Every structure is written in C-alpha cells, then in structure tokens.
Amino acid sequence: MIEVYIDGASAGNPGPSGAGVFIKANGEVFSYSIPLGIMSNHEAEYHAFIKALEICHEKGFKTVSFRTDSELVDRAVEKEFAKNHTYKPLLEKALSLAGQFELFFMKWIPSSTNKMADELARKAIRNNTLEGESE
C-alpha cells in the first residue's frame, strides 16, 4: 500500500501558497514541495490533494492511501460534496483522479502526525515568495 501524506498552506488568507506531498512507496520515499501562487489555505489543501493524485498516477501506483490533516478536504471526499462553489470544481477534479485508482483511501490525521507534508508545504510558500521576488 502506498502512503501519501498531503498538506496545503498559505501565508495569509489569501496569500502565497504551497503544497507538500510526502509519499512512502515500497521502501522508497518521495518528497515534493510545490509553489501554488496566491490562494486561500483551503484552496491550497485541495491543490495539494490534486497534485499528489497526479504524481501517483505518473508513478503508476494502483493502490493508494492518502492522509490529510484537512478536515474540509477529508469530509468533502467522504461525502463527495463541497458546499463552497470555489471548491466544487477542485473536488470534482480530485474525485475524477481518485476514481482512476484500483483502490483509493483517504484518512484524516492530526497535524502532529503530518509534519513532513507540512514542512514541504511551508518550504513551497518560501520558494513561491522567492520566485515572485526575482521576477
């Protein structure tokens, strides 16, 4: 079973945002720190989820177990429903990607057990800010 830890973060709401994806796969570890531009924290959480799903597809994983400390994303995936119109297209895209796996699981975890993904998301915020300053 592939374990995928995800986190999205924003410096401000909205503000510079980043996604952190940490994957444990068959004895290998993959870390991704992805700048996302300016968005809200909740949008960053959804984008982290989508990026992680895309990475897992690219790697050819068939069975994945996602962990998130975002109750909003976890509940939306469980219910297959997002009340907020901003999140609906993000959820639809994520559910479409998730449905392409042979087995897909999502589990909420406390943020204290999601430290690697959180660090990667925060690093992405810094990278996002640095990229913006150099332009």
C-alpha atoms as a PDB file:
ATOM      1  CA  MET A   1       0.000   0.000   0.000  1.00  0.00           C
ATOM      2  CA  ILE A   2       1.341   3.414  -0.992  1.00  0.00           C
ATOM      3  CA  GLU A   3       1.012   6.011   1.795  1.00  0.00           C
ATOM      4  CA  VAL A   4       0.592   9.602   0.646  1.00  0.00           C
ATOM      5  CA  TYR A   5       0.709  12.492   3.113  1.00  0.00           C
ATOM      6  CA  ILE A   6      -0.547  15.849   1.833  1.00  0.00           C
ATOM      7  CA  ASP A   7      -0.755  19.383   3.134  1.00  0.00           C
ATOM      8  CA  GLY A   8      -1.528  22.794   1.715  1.00  0.00           C
ATOM      9  CA  ALA A   9      -0.527  26.045   3.379  1.00  0.00           C
ATOM     10  CA  SER A  10      -0.846  29.775   2.812  1.00  0.00           C
ATOM     11  CA  ALA A  11       0.996  32.763   4.246  1.00  0.00           C
ATOM     12  CA  GLY A  12      -2.085  34.947   4.521  1.00  0.00           C
ATOM     13  CA  ASN A  13      -5.589  34.073   3.501  1.00  0.00           C
ATOM     14  CA  PRO A  14      -5.287  34.516   0.579  1.00  0.00           C
ATOM     15  CA  GLY A  15      -1.536  34.687   0.224  1.00  0.00           C
ATOM     16  CA  PRO A  16       1.478  32.892  -1.227  1.00  0.00           C
ATOM     17  CA  SER A  17       0.652  29.194  -1.017  1.00  0.00           C
ATOM     18  CA  GLY A  18       2.305  25.842  -1.326  1.00  0.00           C
ATOM     19  CA  ALA A  19       1.612  22.134  -1.445  1.00  0.00           C
ATOM     20  CA  GLY A  20       3.543  19.458   0.379  1.00  0.00           C
ATOM     21  CA  VAL A  21       3.396  15.833  -0.769  1.00  0.00           C
ATOM     22  CA  PHE A  22       5.254  13.070   1.070  1.00  0.00           C
ATOM     23  CA  ILE A  23       4.991   9.528  -0.318  1.00  0.00           C
ATOM     24  CA  LYS A  24       6.113   6.211   1.185  1.00  0.00           C
ATOM     25  CA  ALA A  25       6.137   3.597  -1.570  1.00  0.00           C
ATOM     26  CA  ASN A  26       7.622   0.118  -1.358  1.00  0.00           C
ATOM     27  CA  GLY A  27      10.626   1.185   0.702  1.00  0.00           C
ATOM     28  CA  GLU A  28      11.142   4.416  -1.255  1.00  0.00           C
ATOM     29  CA  VAL A  29      10.341   7.939  -0.135  1.00  0.00           C
ATOM     30  CA  PHE A  30       9.361  10.828  -2.407  1.00  0.00           C
ATOM     31  CA  SER A  31       9.063  14.459  -1.288  1.00  0.00           C
ATOM     32  CA  TYR A  32       7.505  17.310  -3.246  1.00  0.00           C
ATOM     33  CA  SER A  33       7.344  20.989  -2.364  1.00  0.00           C
ATOM     34  CA  ILE A  34       5.143  22.750  -4.923  1.00  0.00           C
ATOM     35  CA  PRO A  35       4.612  26.541  -5.025  1.00  0.00           C
ATOM     36  CA  LEU A  36       0.980  27.316  -5.881  1.00  0.00           C
ATOM     37  CA  GLY A  37       0.807  31.091  -6.254  1.00  0.00           C
ATOM     38  CA  ILE A  38      -1.726  33.223  -4.391  1.00  0.00           C
ATOM     39  CA  MET A  39      -4.765  31.442  -2.964  1.00  0.00           C
ATOM     40  CA  SER A  40      -6.588  30.664   0.271  1.00  0.00           C
ATOM     41  CA  ASN A  41      -5.448  27.984   2.677  1.00  0.00           C
ATOM     42  CA  HIS A  42      -8.413  25.733   1.800  1.00  0.00           C
ATOM     43  CA  GLU A  43      -7.695  26.086  -1.927  1.00  0.00           C
ATOM     44  CA  ALA A  44      -4.077  25.133  -1.214  1.00  0.00           C
ATOM     45  CA  GLU A  45      -5.291  21.995   0.590  1.00  0.00           C
ATOM     46  CA  TYR A  46      -7.320  20.957  -2.463  1.00  0.00           C
ATOM     47  CA  HIS A  47      -4.459  21.734  -4.849  1.00  0.00           C
ATOM     48  CA  ALA A  48      -2.074  19.671  -2.699  1.00  0.00           C
ATOM     49  CA  PHE A  49      -4.514  16.765  -2.977  1.00  0.00           C
ATOM     50  CA  ILE A  50      -4.811  17.134  -6.759  1.00  0.00           C
ATOM     51  CA  LYS A  51      -1.024  17.436  -7.234  1.00  0.00           C
ATOM     52  CA  ALA A  52      -0.491  14.310  -5.131  1.00  0.00           C
ATOM     53  CA  LEU A  53      -3.080  12.365  -7.137  1.00  0.00           C
ATOM     54  CA  GLU A  54      -1.373  13.425 -10.376  1.00  0.00           C
ATOM     55  CA  ILE A  55       2.052  12.390  -9.038  1.00  0.00           C
ATOM     56  CA  CYS A  56       0.706   8.979  -8.005  1.00  0.00           C
ATOM     57  CA  HIS A  57      -0.765   8.456 -11.476  1.00  0.00           C
ATOM     58  CA  GLU A  58       2.525   9.459 -13.109  1.00  0.00           C
ATOM     59  CA  LYS A  59       4.346   6.910 -10.942  1.00  0.00           C
ATOM     60  CA  GLY A  60       1.860   4.199 -11.940  1.00  0.00           C
ATOM     61  CA  PHE A  61       0.615   3.495  -8.421  1.00  0.00           C
ATOM     62  CA  LYS A  62      -2.576   1.416  -8.343  1.00  0.00           C
ATOM     63  CA  THR A  63      -3.430   1.304  -4.633  1.00  0.00           C
ATOM     64  CA  VAL A  64      -3.028   4.466  -2.572  1.00  0.00           C
ATOM     65  CA  SER A  65      -3.870   5.555   0.941  1.00  0.00           C
ATOM     66  CA  PHE A  66      -3.959   9.320   1.419  1.00  0.00           C
ATOM     67  CA  ARG A  67      -3.568  11.088   4.750  1.00  0.00           C
ATOM     68  CA  THR A  68      -4.537  14.706   5.318  1.00  0.00           C
ATOM     69  CA  ASP A  69      -4.909  16.962   8.319  1.00  0.00           C
ATOM     70  CA  SER A  70      -7.522  18.987   6.417  1.00  0.00           C
ATOM     71  CA  GLU A  71     -10.929  18.097   7.802  1.00  0.00           C
ATOM     72  CA  LEU A  72     -12.504  20.133   4.990  1.00  0.00           C
ATOM     73  CA  VAL A  73     -10.908  18.040   2.237  1.00  0.00           C
ATOM     74  CA  ASP A  74     -11.388  14.756   4.089  1.00  0.00           C
ATOM     75  CA  ARG A  75     -15.119  15.395   4.639  1.00  0.00           C
ATOM     76  CA  ALA A  76     -15.625  16.624   1.071  1.00  0.00           C
ATOM     77  CA  VAL A  77     -14.029  13.466  -0.333  1.00  0.00           C
ATOM     78  CA  GLU A  78     -16.008  11.230   2.015  1.00  0.00           C
ATOM     79  CA  LYS A  79     -19.319  12.898   1.131  1.00  0.00           C
ATOM     80  CA  GLU A  80     -18.320  13.652  -2.481  1.00  0.00           C
ATOM     81  CA  PHE A  81     -19.704  17.129  -1.897  1.00  0.00           C
ATOM     82  CA  ALA A  82     -18.318  20.647  -1.441  1.00  0.00           C
ATOM     83  CA  LYS A  83     -20.738  23.325  -0.279  1.00  0.00           C
ATOM     84  CA  ASN A  84     -18.495  26.225  -1.315  1.00  0.00           C
ATOM     85  CA  HIS A  85     -18.705  26.943  -5.066  1.00  0.00           C
ATOM     86  CA  THR A  86     -14.953  27.742  -5.173  1.00  0.00           C
ATOM     87  CA  TYR A  87     -14.078  24.207  -4.075  1.00  0.00           C
ATOM     88  CA  LYS A  88     -16.606  22.284  -6.198  1.00  0.00           C
ATOM     89  CA  PRO A  89     -14.506  22.137  -9.396  1.00  0.00           C
ATOM     90  CA  LEU A  90     -11.414  21.241  -7.357  1.00  0.00           C
ATOM     91  CA  LEU A  91     -13.277  18.424  -5.628  1.00  0.00           C
ATOM     92  CA  GLU A  92     -14.698  17.173  -8.940  1.00  0.00           C
ATOM     93  CA  LYS A  93     -11.210  17.051 -10.457  1.00  0.00           C
ATOM     94  CA  ALA A  94      -9.819  15.276  -7.383  1.00  0.00           C
ATOM     95  CA  LEU A  95     -12.625  12.700  -7.297  1.00  0.00           C
ATOM     96  CA  SER A  96     -12.163  12.019 -11.005  1.00  0.00           C
ATOM     97  CA  LEU A  97      -8.439  11.377 -10.454  1.00  0.00           C
ATOM     98  CA  ALA A  98      -9.063   9.316  -7.313  1.00  0.00           C
ATOM     99  CA  GLY A  99     -11.579   7.157  -9.166  1.00  0.00           C
ATOM    100  CA  GLN A 100      -8.881   6.025 -11.589  1.00  0.00           C
ATOM    101  CA  PHE A 101      -7.015   4.024  -8.922  1.00  0.00           C
ATOM    102  CA  GLU A 102      -7.774   0.356  -8.299  1.00  0.00           C
ATOM    103  CA  LEU A 103      -8.055   1.209  -4.591  1.00  0.00           C
ATOM    104  CA  PHE A 104      -8.154   4.677  -3.060  1.00  0.00           C
ATOM    105  CA  PHE A 105      -8.427   5.547   0.617  1.00  0.00           C
ATOM    106  CA  MET A 106      -8.461   8.889   2.427  1.00  0.00           C
ATOM    107  CA  LYS A 107      -7.936   9.248   6.147  1.00  0.00           C
ATOM    108  CA  TRP A 108      -7.897  12.320   8.368  1.00  0.00           C
ATOM    109  CA  ILE A 109      -4.883  12.524  10.666  1.00  0.00           C
ATOM    110  CA  PRO A 110      -3.923  15.107  13.290  1.00  0.00           C
ATOM    111  CA  SER A 111      -1.470  17.756  12.074  1.00  0.00           C
ATOM    112  CA  SER A 112       1.076  16.475  14.624  1.00  0.00           C
ATOM    113  CA  THR A 113       1.431  13.299  12.513  1.00  0.00           C
ATOM    114  CA  ASN A 114       1.601  15.179   9.210  1.00  0.00           C
ATOM    115  CA  LYS A 115       4.803  17.115   9.879  1.00  0.00           C
ATOM    116  CA  MET A 116       6.707  16.108   6.724  1.00  0.00           C
ATOM    117  CA  ALA A 117       3.953  17.275   4.366  1.00  0.00           C
ATOM    118  CA  ASP A 118       3.521  20.443   6.435  1.00  0.00           C
ATOM    119  CA  GLU A 119       7.255  21.251   6.211  1.00  0.00           C
ATOM    120  CA  LEU A 120       7.198  20.666   2.457  1.00  0.00           C
ATOM    121  CA  ALA A 121       4.166  22.958   2.045  1.00  0.00           C
ATOM    122  CA  ARG A 122       5.854  25.702   4.088  1.00  0.00           C
ATOM    123  CA  LYS A 123       9.031  25.333   2.038  1.00  0.00           C
ATOM    124  CA  ALA A 124       6.901  25.760  -1.116  1.00  0.00           C
ATOM    125  CA  ILE A 125       5.498  29.019   0.280  1.00  0.00           C
ATOM    126  CA  ARG A 126       9.049  30.321   0.739  1.00  0.00           C
ATOM    127  CA  ASN A 127      10.001  29.159  -2.779  1.00  0.00           C
ATOM    128  CA  ASN A 128       6.852  30.789  -4.154  1.00  0.00           C
ATOM    129  CA  THR A 129       7.752  34.069  -2.452  1.00  0.00           C
ATOM    130  CA  LEU A 130      11.369  33.927  -3.665  1.00  0.00           C
ATOM    131  CA  GLU A 131      10.260  33.224  -7.243  1.00  0.00           C
ATOM    132  CA  GLY A 132       7.887  36.181  -7.101  1.00  0.00           C
ATOM    133  CA  GLU A 133      10.650  38.497  -5.837  1.00  0.00           C
ATOM    134  CA  SER A 134      13.041  37.569  -8.648  1.00  0.00           C
ATOM    135  CA  GLU A 135      10.587  38.422 -11.424  1.00  0.00           C
END
